[in-house]
N, C-alpha and C. Protein backbone atom coordinates (compact mmCIF):
# COMPACT_ATOMS: atom_id res chain seq x y z
N UNK A 1 40.02 -9.32 11.27
CA UNK A 1 38.63 -9.35 11.24
C UNK A 1 38.29 -8.39 10.19
N UNK A 2 37.28 -8.60 9.30
CA UNK A 2 36.88 -7.72 8.26
C UNK A 2 35.48 -7.20 8.67
N UNK A 3 35.28 -5.94 8.54
CA UNK A 3 34.04 -5.20 8.87
C UNK A 3 33.69 -4.33 7.75
N UNK A 4 32.37 -4.07 7.71
CA UNK A 4 31.87 -3.04 6.77
C UNK A 4 31.33 -1.99 7.54
N UNK A 5 31.73 -0.69 7.31
CA UNK A 5 31.30 0.47 7.92
C UNK A 5 30.61 1.34 6.87
N UNK A 6 29.72 2.22 7.32
CA UNK A 6 29.07 3.22 6.44
C UNK A 6 29.30 4.60 7.01
N UNK A 7 29.85 5.46 6.14
CA UNK A 7 30.17 6.80 6.51
C UNK A 7 29.40 7.65 5.50
N UNK A 8 28.47 8.56 5.96
CA UNK A 8 27.74 9.42 5.14
C UNK A 8 27.21 8.74 3.96
N UNK A 9 26.54 7.52 4.19
CA UNK A 9 25.81 6.86 3.20
C UNK A 9 26.65 5.96 2.28
N UNK A 10 28.05 6.03 2.36
CA UNK A 10 28.98 5.15 1.46
C UNK A 10 29.52 4.05 2.36
N UNK A 11 29.43 2.77 1.91
CA UNK A 11 29.93 1.75 2.56
C UNK A 11 31.43 1.44 2.25
N UNK A 12 32.09 1.08 3.27
CA UNK A 12 33.62 0.79 3.22
C UNK A 12 33.86 -0.52 3.82
N UNK A 13 34.61 -1.53 3.15
CA UNK A 13 35.03 -2.71 3.80
C UNK A 13 36.50 -2.39 4.37
N UNK A 14 36.63 -2.78 5.59
CA UNK A 14 37.79 -2.51 6.39
C UNK A 14 38.40 -3.73 7.05
N UNK A 15 39.71 -3.87 7.15
CA UNK A 15 40.37 -4.92 8.00
C UNK A 15 40.66 -4.22 9.33
N UNK A 16 40.31 -4.99 10.37
CA UNK A 16 40.54 -4.58 11.74
C UNK A 16 41.40 -5.61 12.38
N UNK A 17 42.39 -5.17 13.10
CA UNK A 17 43.26 -6.04 13.81
C UNK A 17 43.02 -5.90 15.33
N UNK A 18 42.62 -7.04 16.01
CA UNK A 18 42.33 -7.08 17.40
C UNK A 18 43.63 -7.34 18.13
N UNK A 19 43.95 -6.37 18.97
CA UNK A 19 45.15 -6.51 19.68
C UNK A 19 44.95 -6.74 21.15
N UNK A 20 45.72 -7.59 21.77
CA UNK A 20 45.54 -8.00 23.17
C UNK A 20 46.26 -6.97 24.07
N UNK A 21 47.23 -6.27 23.66
CA UNK A 21 47.97 -5.26 24.47
C UNK A 21 47.55 -3.89 23.96
N UNK A 22 47.47 -2.90 24.82
CA UNK A 22 47.17 -1.64 24.49
C UNK A 22 48.32 -1.02 23.66
N UNK A 23 47.94 -0.11 22.75
CA UNK A 23 48.96 0.54 21.95
C UNK A 23 49.66 1.53 22.78
N UNK A 24 51.07 1.76 22.46
CA UNK A 24 51.65 2.85 23.06
C UNK A 24 51.05 4.15 22.70
N UNK A 25 51.15 5.12 23.61
CA UNK A 25 50.47 6.45 23.40
C UNK A 25 50.83 7.17 22.06
N UNK A 26 52.06 7.02 21.46
CA UNK A 26 52.28 7.66 20.20
C UNK A 26 51.62 7.06 19.06
N UNK A 27 51.14 5.80 19.18
CA UNK A 27 50.57 5.18 18.02
C UNK A 27 48.98 5.36 18.09
N UNK A 28 48.43 5.85 19.16
CA UNK A 28 46.97 6.05 19.23
C UNK A 28 46.51 7.22 18.32
N UNK A 29 45.30 7.06 17.78
CA UNK A 29 44.73 8.13 16.90
C UNK A 29 43.60 8.78 17.71
N UNK A 30 43.68 10.07 17.83
CA UNK A 30 42.64 10.86 18.51
C UNK A 30 41.54 11.24 17.55
N UNK A 31 40.40 10.98 17.88
CA UNK A 31 39.23 11.41 16.95
C UNK A 31 38.58 12.60 17.66
N UNK A 32 38.54 13.64 16.89
CA UNK A 32 37.97 15.00 17.37
C UNK A 32 36.47 14.67 17.81
N UNK A 33 36.05 15.38 18.84
CA UNK A 33 34.65 15.18 19.32
C UNK A 33 33.74 15.67 18.31
N UNK A 34 34.02 16.64 17.41
CA UNK A 34 33.17 17.19 16.35
C UNK A 34 32.78 16.00 15.40
N UNK A 35 33.71 15.12 15.14
CA UNK A 35 33.50 14.09 14.21
C UNK A 35 32.41 13.15 14.78
N UNK A 36 32.37 12.95 16.13
CA UNK A 36 31.45 12.03 16.70
C UNK A 36 30.11 12.54 16.94
N UNK A 37 29.92 13.86 16.74
CA UNK A 37 28.55 14.54 16.87
C UNK A 37 27.65 14.15 15.72
N UNK A 38 26.34 13.78 16.07
CA UNK A 38 25.37 13.49 15.03
C UNK A 38 25.28 14.52 13.94
N UNK A 39 25.18 14.22 12.71
CA UNK A 39 24.92 15.22 11.67
C UNK A 39 23.57 15.12 11.20
N UNK A 40 22.99 16.21 10.72
CA UNK A 40 21.57 16.20 10.15
C UNK A 40 21.59 15.34 8.90
N UNK A 41 20.52 14.67 8.67
CA UNK A 41 20.39 13.86 7.50
C UNK A 41 19.76 14.63 6.48
N UNK A 42 20.35 14.69 5.24
CA UNK A 42 19.82 15.46 4.22
C UNK A 42 19.14 14.46 3.23
N UNK A 43 17.90 14.58 3.02
CA UNK A 43 17.14 13.72 2.17
C UNK A 43 16.99 14.34 0.88
N UNK A 44 17.43 13.79 -0.15
CA UNK A 44 17.33 14.31 -1.46
C UNK A 44 15.97 13.93 -2.05
N UNK A 45 15.40 14.84 -2.99
CA UNK A 45 14.15 14.52 -3.63
C UNK A 45 14.14 13.09 -4.28
N UNK A 46 15.26 12.65 -4.88
CA UNK A 46 15.34 11.36 -5.51
C UNK A 46 15.13 10.13 -4.47
N UNK A 47 15.50 10.44 -3.26
CA UNK A 47 15.37 9.44 -2.14
C UNK A 47 13.92 9.14 -1.91
N UNK A 48 13.09 10.00 -2.28
CA UNK A 48 11.62 9.81 -2.05
C UNK A 48 10.83 9.17 -3.28
N UNK A 49 11.57 8.70 -4.24
CA UNK A 49 10.88 8.14 -5.40
C UNK A 49 11.41 6.69 -5.58
N UNK A 50 10.32 5.78 -5.79
CA UNK A 50 10.59 4.39 -6.06
C UNK A 50 10.50 4.23 -7.53
N UNK A 51 11.57 3.79 -8.23
CA UNK A 51 11.64 3.46 -9.66
C UNK A 51 11.71 2.01 -9.78
N UNK A 52 11.21 1.55 -10.94
CA UNK A 52 11.29 0.15 -11.33
C UNK A 52 12.74 -0.26 -11.53
N UNK A 53 13.21 -1.22 -11.00
CA UNK A 53 14.65 -1.59 -11.26
C UNK A 53 14.80 -2.48 -12.56
N UNK A 54 13.61 -3.10 -12.96
CA UNK A 54 13.62 -3.84 -14.21
C UNK A 54 12.22 -3.53 -14.96
N UNK A 55 12.31 -4.06 -16.31
CA UNK A 55 11.05 -3.96 -17.01
C UNK A 55 10.31 -5.19 -16.50
N UNK A 56 9.01 -4.99 -16.39
CA UNK A 56 8.18 -6.06 -15.89
C UNK A 56 6.71 -5.70 -15.81
N UNK A 57 5.96 -6.48 -15.15
CA UNK A 57 4.59 -6.44 -14.92
C UNK A 57 4.30 -6.24 -13.47
N UNK A 58 3.47 -5.26 -13.16
CA UNK A 58 3.09 -4.95 -11.78
C UNK A 58 1.90 -5.95 -11.49
N UNK A 59 2.23 -6.84 -10.43
CA UNK A 59 1.28 -7.91 -10.12
C UNK A 59 0.42 -7.57 -8.87
N UNK A 60 0.92 -6.63 -8.04
CA UNK A 60 0.29 -6.22 -6.85
C UNK A 60 0.71 -4.91 -6.40
N UNK A 61 -0.25 -4.05 -6.10
CA UNK A 61 0.04 -2.69 -5.43
C UNK A 61 -0.53 -2.70 -4.08
N UNK A 62 0.39 -2.63 -3.10
CA UNK A 62 0.06 -2.74 -1.64
C UNK A 62 -0.23 -1.29 -1.11
N UNK A 63 0.59 -0.33 -1.48
CA UNK A 63 0.55 1.05 -0.96
C UNK A 63 -0.53 1.90 -1.60
N UNK A 64 -1.06 2.80 -0.85
CA UNK A 64 -2.02 3.76 -1.45
C UNK A 64 -1.67 5.22 -0.91
N UNK A 65 -2.06 6.12 -1.69
CA UNK A 65 -1.84 7.59 -1.39
C UNK A 65 -2.36 7.88 0.14
N UNK A 66 -1.50 8.50 0.90
CA UNK A 66 -1.77 8.90 2.24
C UNK A 66 -1.33 7.88 3.27
N UNK A 67 -0.97 6.68 2.82
CA UNK A 67 -0.54 5.59 3.80
C UNK A 67 0.82 5.96 4.35
N UNK A 68 0.94 5.70 5.63
CA UNK A 68 2.25 5.97 6.27
C UNK A 68 3.03 4.55 6.22
N UNK A 69 4.22 4.67 5.71
CA UNK A 69 5.06 3.45 5.47
C UNK A 69 6.42 3.56 6.23
N UNK A 70 6.98 2.43 6.52
CA UNK A 70 8.24 2.36 7.15
C UNK A 70 9.25 2.05 6.16
N UNK A 71 10.58 2.31 6.54
CA UNK A 71 11.63 2.06 5.55
C UNK A 71 11.69 0.46 5.24
N UNK A 72 11.77 0.12 3.98
CA UNK A 72 11.80 -1.24 3.44
C UNK A 72 10.43 -1.89 3.49
N UNK A 73 9.36 -1.19 3.87
CA UNK A 73 8.04 -1.82 3.88
C UNK A 73 7.61 -2.01 2.41
N UNK A 74 7.08 -3.22 2.05
CA UNK A 74 6.69 -3.46 0.71
C UNK A 74 5.57 -2.51 0.15
N UNK A 75 5.91 -1.90 -1.01
CA UNK A 75 4.87 -0.96 -1.54
C UNK A 75 4.17 -1.70 -2.74
N UNK A 76 4.98 -2.56 -3.51
CA UNK A 76 4.28 -3.23 -4.50
C UNK A 76 5.11 -4.43 -5.08
N UNK A 77 4.56 -5.28 -5.97
CA UNK A 77 5.28 -6.40 -6.44
C UNK A 77 5.32 -6.41 -7.94
N UNK A 78 6.46 -6.64 -8.48
CA UNK A 78 6.65 -6.66 -9.86
C UNK A 78 7.21 -8.07 -10.34
N UNK A 79 6.67 -8.36 -11.46
CA UNK A 79 7.13 -9.74 -11.95
C UNK A 79 7.92 -9.51 -13.31
N UNK A 80 8.99 -10.31 -13.46
CA UNK A 80 9.81 -10.23 -14.64
C UNK A 80 10.42 -11.62 -14.86
N UNK A 81 10.39 -12.19 -15.99
CA UNK A 81 10.89 -13.51 -16.24
C UNK A 81 10.33 -14.61 -15.20
N UNK A 82 8.96 -14.47 -14.90
CA UNK A 82 8.45 -15.52 -14.00
C UNK A 82 8.92 -15.32 -12.57
N UNK A 83 9.69 -14.33 -12.18
CA UNK A 83 10.12 -14.10 -10.79
C UNK A 83 9.49 -12.88 -10.32
N UNK A 84 8.96 -12.92 -9.07
CA UNK A 84 8.33 -11.82 -8.36
C UNK A 84 9.39 -11.14 -7.50
N UNK A 85 9.34 -9.74 -7.55
CA UNK A 85 10.26 -8.99 -6.67
C UNK A 85 9.44 -8.01 -5.91
N UNK A 86 9.65 -7.94 -4.57
CA UNK A 86 8.95 -6.92 -3.72
C UNK A 86 9.68 -5.69 -3.78
N UNK A 87 9.09 -4.58 -3.96
CA UNK A 87 9.81 -3.30 -3.99
C UNK A 87 9.45 -2.57 -2.67
N UNK A 88 10.33 -2.19 -1.92
CA UNK A 88 10.11 -1.52 -0.54
C UNK A 88 10.36 -0.08 -0.63
N UNK A 89 9.84 0.61 0.46
CA UNK A 89 10.10 2.05 0.63
C UNK A 89 11.48 2.31 0.91
N UNK A 90 12.13 3.23 0.21
CA UNK A 90 13.54 3.61 0.50
C UNK A 90 13.87 4.32 1.73
N UNK A 91 12.65 4.83 2.39
CA UNK A 91 12.79 5.54 3.60
C UNK A 91 11.27 5.45 4.22
N UNK A 92 11.25 5.81 5.55
CA UNK A 92 9.93 5.94 6.12
C UNK A 92 9.27 7.28 5.72
N UNK A 93 7.96 7.24 5.62
CA UNK A 93 7.32 8.52 5.15
C UNK A 93 5.85 8.21 4.83
N UNK A 94 5.26 9.12 4.12
CA UNK A 94 3.78 8.98 3.61
C UNK A 94 3.74 8.90 2.20
N UNK A 95 3.06 7.96 1.62
CA UNK A 95 2.90 7.73 0.21
C UNK A 95 2.21 8.98 -0.33
N UNK A 96 2.89 9.75 -1.38
CA UNK A 96 2.34 10.81 -1.97
C UNK A 96 1.31 10.45 -3.06
N UNK A 97 1.87 9.51 -3.97
CA UNK A 97 1.00 9.06 -4.96
C UNK A 97 1.60 7.76 -5.60
N UNK A 98 0.80 6.92 -6.07
CA UNK A 98 1.09 5.64 -6.65
C UNK A 98 0.85 5.73 -8.13
N UNK A 99 1.82 5.57 -9.00
CA UNK A 99 1.61 5.91 -10.41
C UNK A 99 1.33 4.76 -11.30
N UNK A 100 1.20 3.59 -10.71
CA UNK A 100 0.95 2.23 -11.49
C UNK A 100 -0.25 1.55 -10.83
N UNK A 101 -0.73 0.45 -11.58
CA UNK A 101 -1.85 -0.28 -11.22
C UNK A 101 -1.45 -1.70 -11.50
N UNK A 102 -2.13 -2.70 -10.78
CA UNK A 102 -1.91 -4.10 -11.10
C UNK A 102 -2.22 -4.35 -12.59
N UNK A 103 -1.41 -5.21 -13.19
CA UNK A 103 -1.56 -5.53 -14.65
C UNK A 103 -0.87 -4.63 -15.54
N UNK A 104 -0.28 -3.49 -15.13
CA UNK A 104 0.43 -2.51 -15.90
C UNK A 104 1.91 -2.97 -16.16
N UNK A 105 2.36 -2.87 -17.37
CA UNK A 105 3.71 -3.22 -17.83
C UNK A 105 4.49 -1.86 -17.49
N UNK A 106 5.64 -2.03 -16.93
CA UNK A 106 6.52 -0.86 -16.78
C UNK A 106 7.86 -1.16 -17.31
N UNK A 107 8.57 -0.12 -17.54
CA UNK A 107 10.03 -0.17 -17.97
C UNK A 107 10.95 0.13 -16.90
N UNK A 108 12.27 -0.27 -17.00
CA UNK A 108 13.25 -0.04 -16.03
C UNK A 108 13.43 1.51 -15.87
N UNK A 109 13.50 1.92 -14.72
CA UNK A 109 13.68 3.33 -14.35
C UNK A 109 12.35 4.12 -14.26
N UNK A 110 11.22 3.57 -14.60
CA UNK A 110 9.95 4.33 -14.47
C UNK A 110 9.61 4.52 -13.03
N UNK A 111 9.10 5.75 -12.76
CA UNK A 111 8.66 6.09 -11.47
C UNK A 111 7.35 5.30 -11.12
N UNK A 112 7.46 4.60 -9.95
CA UNK A 112 6.28 3.80 -9.59
C UNK A 112 5.44 4.46 -8.38
N UNK A 113 6.19 4.93 -7.37
CA UNK A 113 5.71 5.56 -6.11
C UNK A 113 6.58 6.77 -5.81
N UNK A 114 5.83 7.76 -5.26
CA UNK A 114 6.45 8.89 -4.68
C UNK A 114 6.03 8.98 -3.26
N UNK A 115 6.99 9.29 -2.34
CA UNK A 115 6.78 9.55 -0.98
C UNK A 115 6.89 11.01 -0.62
N UNK A 116 6.30 11.34 0.45
CA UNK A 116 6.27 12.82 0.86
C UNK A 116 7.14 12.85 2.18
């Protein structure tokens, strides 16, 4: 069986073998309890910024300053090569400011929205 696990924000694809019989004691791996304890989440300033993934035209701005948003909630819509893409919040939070308006052309990497 193939699974994807995420450890500290990095995804790993792993192969897992399902066994019918329990493993002998010497083959078992003990995981220290400290590893299983929840760790604080460190949010980097860059995590609070939504940048344009492509050059395009802003067709709709849904978010506004002061609005509370959830992770992946659509903040704005950008069009490039006749295709629309919804850009969502990278994390839950409050919209600090929106730096674009509908009809504005943006370049790849340009800051569009900042979260607080």
